[in-house]
Amino acid sequence: MCQPTNFDVVTLRDVIQDVRIFFQTEQEVLAGGKIVLYSPRAFTFGTPCLVQDLEPPYYALDSSLDGATLPLPGIAACSAEREVASMNNLNIANIRLELILEGQRYFGFKIRMQNPAGYDAQQQTGWKIFTVDAQDFVVDGTPGTVPF
């Protein structure tokens, strides 16, 4: 699930916001793997992109609980890239992890991004998330768009 903090469109100045991302893993990804987040093409991640843990109340105090939301296991780096070489916006974020991303667990993080210049209903689709191993092979991912 993607949870924006600001729905303003870009007008005379850029509108930058932190989008909260929540997801459940199906399979484990060993240390050095990454999360790949696609946004609709009108949004853009910074360079380098900024990924952080959520505020503490979002996370469970007891990580052994079923359904507990956990922080990402060690954010090593984040880079952004273009889905299509001819576009200006960097709408793909590659979030490299230091530790093992456990399977069958819930995770949450926030990522900084710039809103588009105008609203289009299609901006609610195109959000996708994948887990990738250290050799850049896709382990798992969303079959369709992530709810926005």
Protein backbone atom coordinates (compact mmCIF):
# COMPACT_ATOMS: atom_id res chain seq x y z
CA MET A 1 0.00 0.00 0.00
CA CYS A 2 1.22 3.53 -0.83
CA GLN A 3 0.18 6.26 1.58
CA PRO A 4 0.91 9.82 0.42
CA THR A 5 1.24 12.68 2.90
CA ASN A 6 0.45 15.49 0.43
CA PHE A 7 -1.84 15.51 -2.62
CA ASP A 8 -0.85 19.00 -3.82
CA VAL A 9 0.20 19.36 -7.44
CA VAL A 10 3.35 21.19 -8.48
CA THR A 11 2.58 24.80 -9.41
CA LEU A 12 5.12 27.60 -8.98
CA ARG A 13 7.29 25.50 -6.70
CA ASP A 14 7.97 21.79 -6.34
CA VAL A 15 5.85 19.79 -3.93
CA ILE A 16 8.06 17.27 -2.17
CA GLN A 17 6.56 14.66 0.13
CA ASP A 18 7.34 11.44 1.95
CA VAL A 19 5.24 8.54 0.70
CA ARG A 20 4.75 5.68 3.15
CA ILE A 21 5.06 2.22 1.63
CA PHE A 22 3.74 -0.95 3.29
CA PHE A 23 4.18 -4.44 1.86
CA GLN A 24 4.29 -8.12 2.78
CA THR A 25 7.04 -10.41 1.54
CA GLU A 26 6.25 -13.89 0.30
CA GLN A 27 9.81 -15.20 0.05
CA GLU A 28 13.05 -14.43 1.85
CA VAL A 29 15.68 -12.27 0.15
CA LEU A 30 19.25 -12.76 1.38
CA ALA A 31 21.53 -9.93 2.51
CA GLY A 32 22.48 -7.56 -0.29
CA GLY A 33 19.10 -7.82 -1.99
CA LYS A 34 16.95 -4.87 -2.83
CA ILE A 35 13.46 -3.51 -3.14
CA VAL A 36 12.50 -1.96 -6.45
CA LEU A 37 9.65 0.55 -6.28
CA TYR A 38 7.95 1.84 -9.43
CA SER A 39 5.83 4.97 -9.29
CA PRO A 40 3.64 6.36 -12.08
CA ARG A 41 5.77 8.18 -14.66
CA ALA A 42 4.61 11.66 -13.55
CA PHE A 43 6.23 11.27 -10.09
CA THR A 44 9.97 11.48 -9.50
CA PHE A 45 12.39 10.25 -6.85
CA GLY A 46 15.44 12.36 -6.01
CA THR A 47 19.07 11.54 -6.77
CA PRO A 48 20.14 9.99 -4.57
CA CYS A 49 16.72 9.00 -3.37
CA LEU A 50 15.95 9.36 0.33
CA VAL A 51 14.55 6.28 2.08
CA GLN A 52 13.99 6.17 5.83
CA ASP A 53 12.25 4.18 8.51
CA LEU A 54 8.73 5.28 9.39
CA GLU A 55 7.98 7.04 12.65
CA PRO A 56 8.21 4.58 15.61
CA PRO A 57 4.43 4.25 16.23
CA TYR A 58 4.07 2.52 12.85
CA TYR A 59 6.19 -0.42 13.98
CA ALA A 60 5.28 -3.23 16.35
CA LEU A 61 7.07 -3.32 19.68
CA ASP A 62 7.19 -7.11 19.54
CA SER A 63 8.51 -8.25 16.15
CA SER A 64 7.57 -11.86 16.90
CA LEU A 65 3.86 -11.03 16.62
CA ASP A 66 2.00 -12.26 13.55
CA GLY A 67 1.25 -9.31 11.29
CA ALA A 68 3.79 -7.01 12.98
CA THR A 69 5.07 -4.23 10.71
CA LEU A 70 8.87 -4.08 10.75
CA PRO A 71 11.43 -1.54 9.49
CA LEU A 72 13.57 -2.47 6.50
CA PRO A 73 16.58 -4.57 7.57
CA GLY A 74 19.37 -2.06 7.08
CA ILE A 75 19.03 0.44 4.26
CA ALA A 76 22.41 0.43 2.49
CA ALA A 77 21.67 2.76 -0.43
CA CYS A 78 18.98 4.12 -2.70
CA SER A 79 19.29 5.10 -6.34
CA ALA A 80 16.70 6.32 -8.82
CA GLU A 81 16.37 5.68 -12.54
CA ARG A 82 14.08 6.35 -15.47
CA GLU A 83 11.61 3.73 -16.65
CA VAL A 84 11.91 5.11 -20.18
CA ALA A 85 15.19 6.69 -21.31
CA SER A 86 13.41 9.58 -23.05
CA MET A 87 11.58 10.84 -19.96
CA ASN A 88 12.85 13.33 -17.40
CA ASN A 89 11.35 11.83 -14.25
CA LEU A 90 13.20 9.24 -12.19
CA ASN A 91 10.26 6.99 -11.34
CA ILE A 92 12.07 3.80 -10.25
CA ALA A 93 13.73 3.57 -6.82
CA ASN A 94 16.26 0.81 -6.10
CA ILE A 95 16.63 0.33 -2.35
CA ARG A 96 19.62 -1.87 -1.47
CA LEU A 97 19.43 -3.73 1.87
CA GLU A 98 22.24 -4.78 4.19
CA LEU A 99 20.50 -7.69 5.92
CA ILE A 100 18.05 -10.51 5.17
CA LEU A 101 14.50 -9.51 4.20
CA GLU A 102 12.48 -12.24 5.88
CA GLY A 103 9.67 -14.02 4.03
CA GLN A 104 6.04 -13.86 5.18
CA ARG A 105 6.60 -10.58 7.08
CA TYR A 106 5.20 -7.04 6.84
CA PHE A 107 7.52 -4.08 6.28
CA GLY A 108 7.11 -0.35 6.06
CA PHE A 109 9.31 2.59 5.03
CA LYS A 110 9.00 6.09 3.66
CA ILE A 111 10.55 7.53 0.54
CA ARG A 112 10.82 11.14 -0.59
CA MET A 113 9.42 12.09 -3.97
CA GLN A 114 8.19 15.03 -6.01
CA ASN A 115 4.53 15.29 -6.97
CA PRO A 116 3.52 15.69 -10.62
CA ALA A 117 2.56 19.04 -12.17
CA GLY A 118 -1.11 18.07 -12.48
CA TYR A 119 -3.58 15.41 -11.45
CA ASP A 120 -4.54 12.50 -13.64
CA ALA A 121 -6.59 9.51 -12.43
CA GLN A 122 -3.99 7.20 -14.00
CA GLN A 123 -1.52 8.36 -11.34
CA GLN A 124 -3.30 6.04 -8.92
CA THR A 125 -2.06 3.07 -10.94
CA GLY A 126 1.49 2.19 -11.90
CA TRP A 127 2.70 1.76 -8.31
CA LYS A 128 4.57 -1.57 -8.17
CA ILE A 129 7.00 -3.16 -5.74
CA PHE A 130 9.43 -6.05 -6.27
CA THR A 131 12.02 -7.82 -4.17
CA VAL A 132 15.27 -8.66 -5.92
CA ASP A 133 18.26 -10.75 -4.82
CA ALA A 134 21.89 -9.59 -4.69
CA GLN A 135 22.43 -10.76 -8.29
CA ASP A 136 19.45 -8.61 -9.45
CA PHE A 137 17.11 -11.56 -10.09
CA VAL A 138 13.48 -10.81 -9.21
CA VAL A 139 12.36 -12.89 -6.24
CA ASP A 140 8.79 -11.65 -5.89
CA GLY A 141 6.56 -8.73 -6.73
CA THR A 142 3.14 -7.30 -7.22
CA PRO A 143 1.14 -8.80 -10.09
CA GLY A 144 -0.75 -5.52 -10.53
CA THR A 145 -0.68 -2.02 -9.15
CA VAL A 146 -0.20 -1.38 -5.43
CA PRO A 147 -3.22 0.35 -3.78
CA PHE A 148 -2.68 4.09 -3.52
